[in-house]
Amino acid sequence: MSAMPRFEKDWYFLGFAQEDELPQLFELAKKYKCDLKTEGKRCAVYSNNPFRIDSIRLRLWGHRWAINKTWLEENPHLSGFDPRKCKKVKKRVDK
């Protein structure tokens, strides 16, 4: 039986955090048992657990797709959209 994939070696983009958001961001990472790292002048944040990114974004910025705190203001039409709640509708083929 093959071993489950381990994600700790890979880093996944979380978003762009400002300096004042970093303490809360690292506290959420500790709560979700994942590690974070920051890079660059824009403070790009990466997580080693791809399954926790949506939850951290939702708690920190208010939406699962948000990549910074102004994302919802820039994309108000997506504020209520959740792709997990979308149902695929099969096309009916009449013969």
PDB file of N, CA and C in Angstrom:
ATOM      1  N   MET A   1       0.849  -1.179   0.000  1.00  0.00           N
ATOM      2  CA  MET A   1       0.000   0.000   0.000  1.00  0.00           C
ATOM      3  C   MET A   1       0.896   1.244   0.000  1.00  0.00           C
ATOM      4  N   SER A   2       0.604   2.194  -0.869  1.00  0.00           N
ATOM      5  CA  SER A   2       1.453   3.383  -0.957  1.00  0.00           C
ATOM      6  C   SER A   2       1.148   4.340   0.198  1.00  0.00           C
ATOM      7  N   ALA A   3       2.168   5.082   0.551  1.00  0.00           N
ATOM      8  CA  ALA A   3       2.026   6.032   1.653  1.00  0.00           C
ATOM      9  C   ALA A   3       1.232   7.251   1.195  1.00  0.00           C
ATOM     10  N   MET A   4       0.561   7.882   2.127  1.00  0.00           N
ATOM     11  CA  MET A   4      -0.184   9.102   1.823  1.00  0.00           C
ATOM     12  C   MET A   4       0.802  10.205   1.445  1.00  0.00           C
ATOM     13  N   PRO A   5       0.421  11.086   0.520  1.00  0.00           N
ATOM     14  CA  PRO A   5       1.339  12.163   0.131  1.00  0.00           C
ATOM     15  C   PRO A   5       1.582  13.111   1.293  1.00  0.00           C
ATOM     16  N   ARG A   6       2.797  13.590   1.402  1.00  0.00           N
ATOM     17  CA  ARG A   6       3.164  14.543   2.447  1.00  0.00           C
ATOM     18  C   ARG A   6       3.344  15.910   1.805  1.00  0.00           C
ATOM     19  N   PHE A   7       2.700  16.927   2.346  1.00  0.00           N
ATOM     20  CA  PHE A   7       2.732  18.253   1.748  1.00  0.00           C
ATOM     21  C   PHE A   7       3.709  19.198   2.435  1.00  0.00           C
ATOM     22  N   GLU A   8       4.322  18.788   3.528  1.00  0.00           N
ATOM     23  CA  GLU A   8       5.143  19.698   4.305  1.00  0.00           C
ATOM     24  C   GLU A   8       6.337  20.242   3.533  1.00  0.00           C
ATOM     25  N   LYS A   9       6.762  19.556   2.484  1.00  0.00           N
ATOM     26  CA  LYS A   9       7.919  20.009   1.725  1.00  0.00           C
ATOM     27  C   LYS A   9       7.544  21.062   0.697  1.00  0.00           C
ATOM     28  N   ASP A  10       6.275  21.128   0.324  1.00  0.00           N
ATOM     29  CA  ASP A  10       5.811  22.070  -0.691  1.00  0.00           C
ATOM     30  C   ASP A  10       5.173  23.287  -0.030  1.00  0.00           C
ATOM     31  N   TRP A  11       5.190  24.417  -0.743  1.00  0.00           N
ATOM     32  CA  TRP A  11       4.596  25.648  -0.236  1.00  0.00           C
ATOM     33  C   TRP A  11       3.541  26.128  -1.212  1.00  0.00           C
ATOM     34  N   TYR A  12       2.385  26.541  -0.684  1.00  0.00           N
ATOM     35  CA  TYR A  12       1.238  26.939  -1.481  1.00  0.00           C
ATOM     36  C   TYR A  12       0.876  28.391  -1.160  1.00  0.00           C
ATOM     37  N   PHE A  13       0.591  29.173  -2.202  1.00  0.00           N
ATOM     38  CA  PHE A  13       0.306  30.596  -2.038  1.00  0.00           C
ATOM     39  C   PHE A  13      -0.970  30.817  -1.231  1.00  0.00           C
ATOM     40  N   LEU A  14      -0.862  31.656  -0.221  1.00  0.00           N
ATOM     41  CA  LEU A  14      -1.999  31.998   0.632  1.00  0.00           C
ATOM     42  C   LEU A  14      -2.526  33.389   0.301  1.00  0.00           C
ATOM     43  N   GLY A  15      -1.636  34.350   0.173  1.00  0.00           N
ATOM     44  CA  GLY A  15      -2.059  35.715  -0.137  1.00  0.00           C
ATOM     45  C   GLY A  15      -0.985  36.717   0.205  1.00  0.00           C
ATOM     46  N   PHE A  16      -1.367  37.997   0.186  1.00  0.00           N
ATOM     47  CA  PHE A  16      -0.469  39.085   0.528  1.00  0.00           C
ATOM     48  C   PHE A  16      -0.946  39.699   1.833  1.00  0.00           C
ATOM     49  N   ALA A  17      -0.148  39.598   2.868  1.00  0.00           N
ATOM     50  CA  ALA A  17      -0.524  40.126   4.180  1.00  0.00           C
ATOM     51  C   ALA A  17       0.227  41.421   4.458  1.00  0.00           C
ATOM     52  N   GLN A  18      -0.417  42.300   5.202  1.00  0.00           N
ATOM     53  CA  GLN A  18       0.251  43.513   5.649  1.00  0.00           C
ATOM     54  C   GLN A  18       0.895  43.238   6.995  1.00  0.00           C
ATOM     55  N   GLU A  19       1.807  44.095   7.377  1.00  0.00           N
ATOM     56  CA  GLU A  19       2.572  43.893   8.612  1.00  0.00           C
ATOM     57  C   GLU A  19       1.662  43.730   9.836  1.00  0.00           C
ATOM     58  N   ASP A  20       0.582  44.501   9.908  1.00  0.00           N
ATOM     59  CA  ASP A  20      -0.303  44.426  11.073  1.00  0.00           C
ATOM     60  C   ASP A  20      -1.147  43.151  11.095  1.00  0.00           C
ATOM     61  N   GLU A  21      -1.242  42.431   9.961  1.00  0.00           N
ATOM     62  CA  GLU A  21      -2.010  41.190   9.903  1.00  0.00           C
ATOM     63  C   GLU A  21      -1.177  39.954  10.246  1.00  0.00           C
ATOM     64  N   LEU A  22       0.135  40.092  10.235  1.00  0.00           N
ATOM     65  CA  LEU A  22       0.999  38.927  10.433  1.00  0.00           C
ATOM     66  C   LEU A  22       0.797  38.214  11.777  1.00  0.00           C
ATOM     67  N   PRO A  23       0.678  38.918  12.906  1.00  0.00           N
ATOM     68  CA  PRO A  23       0.449  38.189  14.165  1.00  0.00           C
ATOM     69  C   PRO A  23      -0.812  37.322  14.141  1.00  0.00           C
ATOM     70  N   GLN A  24      -1.910  37.877  13.617  1.00  0.00           N
ATOM     71  CA  GLN A  24      -3.160  37.114  13.535  1.00  0.00           C
ATOM     72  C   GLN A  24      -3.014  35.948  12.562  1.00  0.00           C
ATOM     73  N   LEU A  25      -2.300  36.163  11.482  1.00  0.00           N
ATOM     74  CA  LEU A  25      -2.082  35.129  10.482  1.00  0.00           C
ATOM     75  C   LEU A  25      -1.293  33.953  11.057  1.00  0.00           C
ATOM     76  N   PHE A  26      -0.237  34.254  11.791  1.00  0.00           N
ATOM     77  CA  PHE A  26       0.559  33.185  12.379  1.00  0.00           C
ATOM     78  C   PHE A  26      -0.179  32.479  13.520  1.00  0.00           C
ATOM     79  N   GLU A  27      -1.064  33.203  14.191  1.00  0.00           N
ATOM     80  CA  GLU A  27      -1.899  32.578  15.228  1.00  0.00           C
ATOM     81  C   GLU A  27      -2.889  31.591  14.595  1.00  0.00           C
ATOM     82  N   LEU A  28      -3.478  31.972  13.459  1.00  0.00           N
ATOM     83  CA  LEU A  28      -4.364  31.056  12.741  1.00  0.00           C
ATOM     84  C   LEU A  28      -3.609  29.832  12.237  1.00  0.00           C
ATOM     85  N   ALA A  29      -2.393  30.041  11.774  1.00  0.00           N
ATOM     86  CA  ALA A  29      -1.579  28.912  11.298  1.00  0.00           C
ATOM     87  C   ALA A  29      -1.297  27.937  12.428  1.00  0.00           C
ATOM     88  N   LYS A  30      -1.034  28.466  13.602  1.00  0.00           N
ATOM     89  CA  LYS A  30      -0.796  27.593  14.757  1.00  0.00           C
ATOM     90  C   LYS A  30      -2.056  26.806  15.102  1.00  0.00           C
ATOM     91  N   LYS A  31      -3.208  27.476  15.018  1.00  0.00           N
ATOM     92  CA  LYS A  31      -4.490  26.825  15.310  1.00  0.00           C
ATOM     93  C   LYS A  31      -4.773  25.701  14.315  1.00  0.00           C
ATOM     94  N   TYR A  32      -4.456  25.942  13.028  1.00  0.00           N
ATOM     95  CA  TYR A  32      -4.698  24.950  11.989  1.00  0.00           C
ATOM     96  C   TYR A  32      -3.529  23.990  11.782  1.00  0.00           C
ATOM     97  N   LYS A  33      -2.533  24.084  12.620  1.00  0.00           N
ATOM     98  CA  LYS A  33      -1.376  23.171  12.615  1.00  0.00           C
ATOM     99  C   LYS A  33      -0.675  23.129  11.256  1.00  0.00           C
ATOM    100  N   CYS A  34      -0.341  24.317  10.767  1.00  0.00           N
ATOM    101  CA  CYS A  34       0.441  24.401   9.539  1.00  0.00           C
ATOM    102  C   CYS A  34       1.502  25.483   9.717  1.00  0.00           C
ATOM    103  N   ASP A  35       2.485  25.468   8.865  1.00  0.00           N
ATOM    104  CA  ASP A  35       3.554  26.456   8.913  1.00  0.00           C
ATOM    105  C   ASP A  35       3.354  27.470   7.800  1.00  0.00           C
ATOM    106  N   LEU A  36       3.810  28.694   8.058  1.00  0.00           N
ATOM    107  CA  LEU A  36       3.740  29.754   7.066  1.00  0.00           C
ATOM    108  C   LEU A  36       5.120  30.337   6.855  1.00  0.00           C
ATOM    109  N   LYS A  37       5.324  30.871   5.662  1.00  0.00           N
ATOM    110  CA  LYS A  37       6.542  31.635   5.415  1.00  0.00           C
ATOM    111  C   LYS A  37       6.174  32.853   4.592  1.00  0.00           C
ATOM    112  N   THR A  38       6.948  33.922   4.740  1.00  0.00           N
ATOM    113  CA  THR A  38       6.705  35.157   4.009  1.00  0.00           C
ATOM    114  C   THR A  38       7.896  35.452   3.114  1.00  0.00           C
ATOM    115  N   GLU A  39       7.606  36.122   1.994  1.00  0.00           N
ATOM    116  CA  GLU A  39       8.655  36.477   1.044  1.00  0.00           C
ATOM    117  C   GLU A  39       8.378  37.835   0.434  1.00  0.00           C
ATOM    118  N   GLY A  40       9.433  38.541   0.117  1.00  0.00           N
ATOM    119  CA  GLY A  40       9.351  39.752  -0.690  1.00  0.00           C
ATOM    120  C   GLY A  40       8.856  40.985   0.016  1.00  0.00           C
ATOM    121  N   LYS A  41       8.882  42.090  -0.733  1.00  0.00           N
ATOM    122  CA  LYS A  41       8.463  43.387  -0.204  1.00  0.00           C
ATOM    123  C   LYS A  41       6.960  43.451   0.012  1.00  0.00           C
ATOM    124  N   ARG A  42       6.185  42.750  -0.828  1.00  0.00           N
ATOM    125  CA  ARG A  42       4.725  42.758  -0.696  1.00  0.00           C
ATOM    126  C   ARG A  42       4.251  41.783   0.374  1.00  0.00           C
ATOM    127  N   CYS A  43       5.168  41.094   0.992  1.00  0.00           N
ATOM    128  CA  CYS A  43       4.872  40.141   2.065  1.00  0.00           C
ATOM    129  C   CYS A  43       3.937  39.026   1.584  1.00  0.00           C
ATOM    130  N   ALA A  44       4.367  38.323   0.545  1.00  0.00           N
ATOM    131  CA  ALA A  44       3.626  37.161   0.056  1.00  0.00           C
ATOM    132  C   ALA A  44       3.718  36.058   1.095  1.00  0.00           C
ATOM    133  N   VAL A  45       2.605  35.426   1.388  1.00  0.00           N
ATOM    134  CA  VAL A  45       2.550  34.395   2.423  1.00  0.00           C
ATOM    135  C   VAL A  45       2.250  33.049   1.776  1.00  0.00           C
ATOM    136  N   TYR A  46       2.982  32.031   2.206  1.00  0.00           N
ATOM    137  CA  TYR A  46       2.821  30.672   1.702  1.00  0.00           C
ATOM    138  C   TYR A  46       2.576  29.730   2.868  1.00  0.00           C
ATOM    139  N   SER A  47       1.768  28.697   2.615  1.00  0.00           N
ATOM    140  CA  SER A  47       1.454  27.694   3.629  1.00  0.00           C
ATOM    141  C   SER A  47       1.952  26.332   3.149  1.00  0.00           C
ATOM    142  N   ASN A  48       2.292  25.470   4.104  1.00  0.00           N
ATOM    143  CA  ASN A  48       2.722  24.120   3.727  1.00  0.00           C
ATOM    144  C   ASN A  48       1.555  23.136   3.728  1.00  0.00           C
ATOM    145  N   ASN A  49       0.333  23.601   3.983  1.00  0.00           N
ATOM    146  CA  ASN A  49      -0.830  22.729   4.004  1.00  0.00           C
ATOM    147  C   ASN A  49      -1.917  23.300   3.093  1.00  0.00           C
ATOM    148  N   PRO A  50      -2.096  22.732   1.898  1.00  0.00           N
ATOM    149  CA  PRO A  50      -3.074  23.299   0.960  1.00  0.00           C
ATOM    150  C   PRO A  50      -4.521  23.165   1.421  1.00  0.00           C
ATOM    151  N   PHE A  51      -4.788  22.268   2.355  1.00  0.00           N
ATOM    152  CA  PHE A  51      -6.159  22.039   2.812  1.00  0.00           C
ATOM    153  C   PHE A  51      -6.631  23.091   3.808  1.00  0.00           C
ATOM    154  N   ARG A  52      -5.741  23.892   4.350  1.00  0.00           N
ATOM    155  CA  ARG A  52      -6.099  24.912   5.347  1.00  0.00           C
ATOM    156  C   ARG A  52      -6.144  26.322   4.776  1.00  0.00           C
ATOM    157  N   ILE A  53      -5.736  26.497   3.540  1.00  0.00           N
ATOM    158  CA  ILE A  53      -5.657  27.837   2.951  1.00  0.00           C
ATOM    159  C   ILE A  53      -7.025  28.511   2.916  1.00  0.00           C
ATOM    160  N   ASP A  54      -8.064  27.813   2.455  1.00  0.00           N
ATOM    161  CA  ASP A  54      -9.407  28.396   2.397  1.00  0.00           C
ATOM    162  C   ASP A  54      -9.881  28.852   3.764  1.00  0.00           C
ATOM    163  N   SER A  55      -9.646  28.038   4.775  1.00  0.00           N
ATOM    164  CA  SER A  55     -10.108  28.375   6.127  1.00  0.00           C
ATOM    165  C   SER A  55      -9.384  29.596   6.673  1.00  0.00           C
ATOM    166  N   ILE A  56      -8.085  29.684   6.436  1.00  0.00           N
ATOM    167  CA  ILE A  56      -7.320  30.836   6.920  1.00  0.00           C
ATOM    168  C   ILE A  56      -7.766  32.098   6.189  1.00  0.00           C
ATOM    169  N   ARG A  57      -7.938  32.026   4.875  1.00  0.00           N
ATOM    170  CA  ARG A  57      -8.401  33.189   4.115  1.00  0.00           C
ATOM    171  C   ARG A  57      -9.781  33.646   4.581  1.00  0.00           C
ATOM    172  N   LEU A  58     -10.672  32.699   4.827  1.00  0.00           N
ATOM    173  CA  LEU A  58     -12.024  33.041   5.270  1.00  0.00           C
ATOM    174  C   LEU A  58     -11.996  33.755   6.616  1.00  0.00           C
ATOM    175  N   ARG A  59     -11.234  33.266   7.544  1.00  0.00           N
ATOM    176  CA  ARG A  59     -11.176  33.897   8.874  1.00  0.00           C
ATOM    177  C   ARG A  59     -10.458  35.235   8.863  1.00  0.00           C
ATOM    178  N   LEU A  60      -9.414  35.356   8.045  1.00  0.00           N
ATOM    179  CA  LEU A  60      -8.619  36.579   8.049  1.00  0.00           C
ATOM    180  C   LEU A  60      -9.214  37.666   7.170  1.00  0.00           C
ATOM    181  N   TRP A  61      -9.677  37.309   5.964  1.00  0.00           N
ATOM    182  CA  TRP A  61     -10.117  38.310   4.994  1.00  0.00           C
ATOM    183  C   TRP A  61     -11.590  38.198   4.619  1.00  0.00           C
ATOM    184  N   GLY A  62     -12.322  37.204   5.111  1.00  0.00           N
ATOM    185  CA  GLY A  62     -13.765  37.145   4.898  1.00  0.00           C
ATOM    186  C   GLY A  62     -14.249  36.378   3.679  1.00  0.00           C
ATOM    187  N   HIS A  63     -13.359  35.784   2.903  1.00  0.00           N
ATOM    188  CA  HIS A  63     -13.775  34.995   1.741  1.00  0.00           C
ATOM    189  C   HIS A  63     -12.710  33.950   1.447  1.00  0.00           C
ATOM    190  N   ARG A  64     -13.142  32.801   0.954  1.00  0.00           N
ATOM    191  CA  ARG A  64     -12.220  31.695   0.673  1.00  0.00           C
ATOM    192  C   ARG A  64     -11.244  31.979  -0.463  1.00  0.00           C
ATOM    193  N   TRP A  65     -11.585  32.911  -1.344  1.00  0.00           N
ATOM    194  CA  TRP A  65     -10.709  33.225  -2.479  1.00  0.00           C
ATOM    195  C   TRP A  65      -9.888  34.484  -2.257  1.00  0.00           C
ATOM    196  N   ALA A  66     -10.130  35.195  -1.173  1.00  0.00           N
ATOM    197  CA  ALA A  66      -9.443  36.473  -0.941  1.00  0.00           C
ATOM    198  C   ALA A  66      -7.940  36.262  -0.798  1.00  0.00           C
ATOM    199  N   ILE A  67      -7.177  37.139  -1.435  1.00  0.00           N
ATOM    200  CA  ILE A  67      -5.720  37.051  -1.317  1.00  0.00           C
ATOM    201  C   ILE A  67      -5.143  38.242  -0.566  1.00  0.00           C
ATOM    202  N   ASN A  68      -5.991  39.180  -0.179  1.00  0.00           N
ATOM    203  CA  ASN A  68      -5.587  40.291   0.692  1.00  0.00           C
ATOM    204  C   ASN A  68      -6.849  40.902   1.301  1.00  0.00           C
ATOM    205  N   LYS A  69      -6.672  41.886   2.176  1.00  0.00           N
ATOM    206  CA  LYS A  69      -7.848  42.396   2.892  1.00  0.00           C
ATOM    207  C   LYS A  69      -8.729  43.305   2.042  1.00  0.00           C
ATOM    208  N   THR A  70      -8.266  43.758   0.889  1.00  0.00           N
ATOM    209  CA  THR A  70      -9.096  44.599   0.024  1.00  0.00           C
ATOM    210  C   THR A  70      -9.757  43.800  -1.100  1.00  0.00           C
ATOM    211  N   TRP A  71      -9.563  42.504  -1.132  1.00  0.00           N
ATOM    212  CA  TRP A  71     -10.086  41.671  -2.216  1.00  0.00           C
ATOM    213  C   TRP A  71     -11.611  41.753  -2.309  1.00  0.00           C
ATOM    214  N   LEU A  72     -12.306  41.699  -1.178  1.00  0.00           N
ATOM    215  CA  LEU A  72     -13.773  41.763  -1.198  1.00  0.00           C
ATOM    216  C   LEU A  72     -14.284  43.107  -1.713  1.00  0.00           C
ATOM    217  N   GLU A  73     -13.590  44.184  -1.393  1.00  0.00           N
ATOM    218  CA  GLU A  73     -13.983  45.500  -1.891  1.00  0.00           C
ATOM    219  C   GLU A  73     -13.792  45.582  -3.406  1.00  0.00           C
ATOM    220  N   GLU A  74     -12.746  44.921  -3.904  1.00  0.00           N
ATOM    221  CA  GLU A  74     -12.448  44.949  -5.328  1.00  0.00           C
ATOM    222  C   GLU A  74     -13.333  43.982  -6.122  1.00  0.00           C
ATOM    223  N   ASN A  75     -13.882  42.962  -5.460  1.00  0.00           N
ATOM    224  CA  ASN A  75     -14.708  41.946  -6.116  1.00  0.00           C
ATOM    225  C   ASN A  75     -16.036  41.750  -5.384  1.00  0.00           C
ATOM    226  N   PRO A  76     -16.872  42.777  -5.286  1.00  0.00           N
ATOM    227  CA  PRO A  76     -18.113  42.638  -4.509  1.00  0.00           C
ATOM    228  C   PRO A  76     -19.084  41.626  -5.107  1.00  0.00           C
ATOM    229  N   HIS A  77     -19.012  41.405  -6.413  1.00  0.00           N
ATOM    230  CA  HIS A  77     -19.921  40.454  -7.064  1.00  0.00           C
ATOM    231  C   HIS A  77     -19.626  39.005  -6.656  1.00  0.00           C
ATOM    232  N   LEU A  78     -18.474  38.748  -6.049  1.00  0.00           N
ATOM    233  CA  LEU A  78     -18.125  37.394  -5.602  1.00  0.00           C
ATOM    234  C   LEU A  78     -18.319  37.188  -4.104  1.00  0.00           C
ATOM    235  N   SER A  79     -18.856  38.170  -3.410  1.00  0.00           N
ATOM    236  CA  SER A  79     -18.948  38.085  -1.953  1.00  0.00           C
ATOM    237  C   SER A  79     -19.783  36.908  -1.460  1.00  0.00           C
ATOM    238  N   GLY A  80     -20.841  36.550  -2.176  1.00  0.00           N
ATOM    239  CA  GLY A  80     -21.681  35.437  -1.740  1.00  0.00           C
ATOM    240  C   GLY A  80     -21.424  34.142  -2.483  1.00  0.00           C
ATOM    241  N   PHE A  81     -20.445  34.141  -3.365  1.00  0.00           N
ATOM    242  CA  PHE A  81     -20.197  32.966  -4.197  1.00  0.00           C
ATOM    243  C   PHE A  81     -19.350  31.935  -3.461  1.00  0.00           C
ATOM    244  N   ASP A  82     -19.807  30.692  -3.459  1.00  0.00           N
ATOM    245  CA  ASP A  82     -19.055  29.580  -2.886  1.00  0.00           C
ATOM    246  C   ASP A  82     -19.117  28.426  -3.880  1.00  0.00           C
ATOM    247  N   PRO A  83     -18.013  28.113  -4.556  1.00  0.00           N
ATOM    248  CA  PRO A  83     -18.050  27.071  -5.585  1.00  0.00           C
ATOM    249  C   PRO A  83     -18.394  25.686  -5.044  1.00  0.00           C
ATOM    250  N   ARG A  84     -18.192  25.479  -3.757  1.00  0.00           N
ATOM    251  CA  ARG A  84     -18.501  24.171  -3.176  1.00  0.00           C
ATOM    252  C   ARG A  84     -20.004  23.932  -3.089  1.00  0.00           C
ATOM    253  N   LYS A  85     -20.792  25.001  -3.125  1.00  0.00           N
ATOM    254  CA  LYS A  85     -22.243  24.856  -3.030  1.00  0.00           C
ATOM    255  C   LYS A  85     -22.914  24.760  -4.396  1.00  0.00           C
ATOM    256  N   CYS A  86     -22.143  24.943  -5.464  1.00  0.00           N
ATOM    257  CA  CYS A  86     -22.697  24.848  -6.811  1.00  0.00           C
ATOM    258  C   CYS A  86     -22.975  23.391  -7.151  1.00  0.00           C
ATOM    259  N   LYS A  87     -24.105  23.170  -7.766  1.00  0.00           N
ATOM    260  CA  LYS A  87     -24.463  21.815  -8.177  1.00  0.00           C
ATOM    261  C   LYS A  87     -24.348  21.720  -9.688  1.00  0.00           C
ATOM    262  N   LYS A  88     -23.754  20.637 -10.130  1.00  0.00           N
ATOM    263  CA  LYS A  88     -23.688  20.417 -11.568  1.00  0.00           C
ATOM    264  C   LYS A  88     -25.032  19.873 -12.034  1.00  0.00           C
ATOM    265  N   VAL A  89     -25.538  20.453 -13.088  1.00  0.00           N
ATOM    266  CA  VAL A  89     -26.814  20.021 -13.629  1.00  0.00           C
ATOM    267  C   VAL A  89     -26.537  19.253 -14.907  1.00  0.00           C
ATOM    268  N   LYS A  90     -27.020  18.028 -14.936  1.00  0.00           N
ATOM    269  CA  LYS A  90     -26.848  17.222 -16.148  1.00  0.00           C
ATOM    270  C   LYS A  90     -27.816  17.706 -17.203  1.00  0.00           C
ATOM    271  N   LYS A  91     -27.313  17.810 -18.415  1.00  0.00           N
ATOM    272  CA  LYS A  91     -28.180  18.202 -19.519  1.00  0.00           C
ATOM    273  C   LYS A  91     -29.057  17.028 -19.892  1.00  0.00           C
ATOM    274  N   ARG A  92     -30.315  17.307 -20.054  1.00  0.00           N
ATOM    275  CA  ARG A  92     -31.262  16.260 -20.389  1.00  0.00           C
ATOM    276  C   ARG A  92     -31.300  16.093 -21.908  1.00  0.00           C
ATOM    277  N   VAL A  93     -31.118  14.898 -22.340  1.00  0.00           N
ATOM    278  CA  VAL A  93     -31.129  14.613 -23.757  1.00  0.00           C
ATOM    279  C   VAL A  93     -32.427  13.859 -24.075  1.00  0.00           C
ATOM    280  N   ASP A  94     -33.296  14.508 -24.824  1.00  0.00           N
ATOM    281  CA  ASP A  94     -34.544  13.860 -25.226  1.00  0.00           C
ATOM    282  C   ASP A  94     -34.323  13.128 -26.546  1.00  0.00           C
ATOM    283  N   LYS A  95     -34.856  11.926 -26.616  1.00  0.00           N
ATOM    284  CA  LYS A  95     -34.711  11.151 -27.845  1.00  0.00           C
ATOM    285  C   LYS A  95     -35.959  11.220 -28.672  1.00  0.00           C
TER     286      LYS A  95
END
